[in-house]
Amino acid sequence: MAAELHVEMVAADRNVWSGEATLVVARTTSGDIGVMPGHQPLLGVLESGPVTIRTSDGGTVVAAVHGGFISFADNKLSLLAEIAELADEIDVQRAERALERAKADADAAAERRADVRLRAVAGH
């Protein structure tokens, strides 16, 4: 059996995803980071961006994450997000409309959130 780590992805309002994985890739304020079993302990600040989880059964889980923290120790990875949505939960047409509205309103934060949601779906 390949080495694995336990992942918990939690948003402010719910437990988004939990399970075993071989790799997690997330965007932090220091840049993109990949965490595999045995990684050094870490604590970082999450930037808005897609998070990709390679599950132990060979699948892939992608989520749009908007801010929060990442923590890893003893092969346990926690993603504590302000907002997180799994790619298969995202309504693409709604996200596209939100992106158009944000561009028209020159709302950079809303534009970034909509863009991350669409990139998560594309990476799924």
Protein backbone atom coordinates (compact mmCIF):
# COMPACT_ATOMS: atom_id res chain seq x y z
CA MET A 1 0.00 0.00 0.00
CA ALA A 2 1.31 3.45 -0.92
CA ALA A 3 1.96 5.94 1.85
CA GLU A 4 -0.98 8.21 2.51
CA LEU A 5 -2.01 11.16 4.59
CA HIS A 6 -5.32 11.99 6.19
CA VAL A 7 -6.96 15.15 4.83
CA GLU A 8 -9.69 17.26 6.38
CA MET A 9 -11.05 20.20 4.40
CA VAL A 10 -13.34 22.37 6.48
CA ALA A 11 -15.10 25.62 5.61
CA ALA A 12 -16.58 28.06 8.09
CA ASP A 13 -20.01 26.50 7.63
CA ARG A 14 -19.33 22.78 7.00
CA ASN A 15 -16.99 19.82 6.64
CA VAL A 16 -16.24 19.89 2.89
CA TRP A 17 -14.15 16.73 2.37
CA SER A 18 -12.37 14.15 4.46
CA GLY A 19 -10.34 11.13 3.42
CA GLU A 20 -7.00 9.57 2.60
CA ALA A 21 -4.72 11.05 -0.06
CA THR A 22 -1.26 10.66 -1.57
CA LEU A 23 -0.82 14.32 -2.58
CA VAL A 24 -2.46 17.70 -1.89
CA VAL A 25 -1.60 20.82 -3.90
CA ALA A 26 -2.71 24.23 -2.58
CA ARG A 27 -1.85 27.89 -3.10
CA THR A 28 -0.38 29.70 -0.10
CA THR A 29 0.89 33.23 0.40
CA SER A 30 4.38 31.77 -0.20
CA GLY A 31 3.34 30.11 -3.48
CA ASP A 32 1.94 26.76 -4.53
CA ILE A 33 2.79 23.86 -2.24
CA GLY A 34 2.49 20.12 -2.66
CA VAL A 35 2.16 17.98 0.46
CA MET A 36 2.85 14.25 0.41
CA PRO A 37 3.07 11.73 3.24
CA GLY A 38 6.14 12.40 5.38
CA HIS A 39 6.25 16.13 4.53
CA GLN A 40 7.79 18.40 7.15
CA PRO A 41 5.27 19.99 9.50
CA LEU A 42 3.90 23.25 8.14
CA LEU A 43 1.48 26.03 8.88
CA GLY A 44 0.55 28.46 6.12
CA VAL A 45 -2.02 30.97 4.95
CA LEU A 46 -4.15 29.86 2.00
CA GLU A 47 -4.65 32.17 -0.95
CA SER A 48 -7.75 31.94 -3.10
CA GLY A 49 -7.18 29.17 -5.60
CA PRO A 50 -7.99 25.60 -6.52
CA VAL A 51 -6.91 22.83 -4.15
CA THR A 52 -6.22 19.47 -5.76
CA ILE A 53 -6.31 16.25 -3.73
CA ARG A 54 -5.05 12.98 -5.22
CA THR A 55 -6.99 10.35 -3.31
CA SER A 56 -5.54 7.03 -2.22
CA ASP A 57 -7.85 5.17 -4.60
CA GLY A 58 -6.42 7.05 -7.60
CA GLY A 59 -9.16 9.66 -7.88
CA THR A 60 -8.90 13.42 -7.82
CA VAL A 61 -10.87 15.91 -5.75
CA VAL A 62 -10.70 19.59 -6.72
CA ALA A 63 -12.11 22.43 -4.64
CA ALA A 64 -12.26 26.21 -4.96
CA VAL A 65 -10.86 27.63 -1.72
CA HIS A 66 -11.04 31.28 -0.74
CA GLY A 67 -8.67 32.09 2.11
CA GLY A 68 -7.89 30.22 5.28
CA PHE A 69 -5.07 28.12 6.69
CA ILE A 70 -3.21 24.91 5.87
CA SER A 71 -1.64 22.79 8.58
CA PHE A 72 0.30 19.52 8.34
CA ALA A 73 1.84 17.32 11.04
CA ASP A 74 2.02 13.56 11.68
CA ASN A 75 0.57 12.76 8.21
CA LYS A 76 -2.59 14.78 8.99
CA LEU A 77 -3.37 17.71 6.71
CA SER A 78 -5.99 20.28 7.65
CA LEU A 79 -7.34 22.86 5.23
CA LEU A 80 -9.36 25.40 7.21
CA ALA A 81 -11.01 27.62 4.63
CA GLU A 82 -13.15 30.72 4.89
CA ILE A 83 -15.10 29.42 1.86
CA ALA A 84 -14.62 26.11 0.03
CA GLU A 85 -16.66 24.44 -2.71
CA LEU A 86 -16.01 21.10 -4.36
CA ALA A 87 -15.75 21.41 -8.14
CA ASP A 88 -18.77 19.19 -8.72
CA GLU A 89 -20.89 21.51 -6.50
CA ILE A 90 -20.15 24.62 -8.58
CA ASP A 91 -22.80 25.94 -10.95
CA VAL A 92 -20.71 26.98 -13.97
CA GLN A 93 -23.32 29.32 -15.49
CA ARG A 94 -23.77 31.09 -12.14
CA ALA A 95 -20.00 31.46 -11.72
CA GLU A 96 -19.70 32.85 -15.28
CA ARG A 97 -22.46 35.40 -14.56
CA ALA A 98 -20.74 36.37 -11.30
CA LEU A 99 -17.47 36.87 -13.17
CA GLU A 100 -19.15 39.12 -15.76
CA ARG A 101 -20.87 41.18 -13.01
CA ALA A 102 -17.62 41.53 -11.08
CA LYS A 103 -15.78 42.75 -14.19
CA ALA A 104 -18.54 45.25 -14.96
CA ASP A 105 -18.50 46.51 -11.36
CA ALA A 106 -14.68 46.54 -11.21
CA ASP A 107 -14.92 44.37 -8.07
CA ALA A 108 -11.52 42.66 -8.00
CA ALA A 109 -12.30 40.42 -5.00
CA ALA A 110 -15.54 39.11 -6.54
CA GLU A 111 -13.77 38.65 -9.87
CA ARG A 112 -11.05 36.57 -8.18
CA ARG A 113 -13.62 34.37 -6.39
CA ALA A 114 -15.54 33.69 -9.61
CA ASP A 115 -12.31 33.00 -11.50
CA VAL A 116 -11.14 30.50 -8.85
CA ARG A 117 -14.50 28.71 -9.00
CA LEU A 118 -14.25 28.37 -12.78
CA ARG A 119 -10.61 27.19 -12.60
CA ALA A 120 -11.60 24.55 -10.03
CA VAL A 121 -14.27 23.21 -12.38
CA ALA A 122 -11.81 23.21 -15.30
CA GLY A 123 -9.24 21.30 -13.21
CA HIS A 124 -11.79 18.72 -12.12
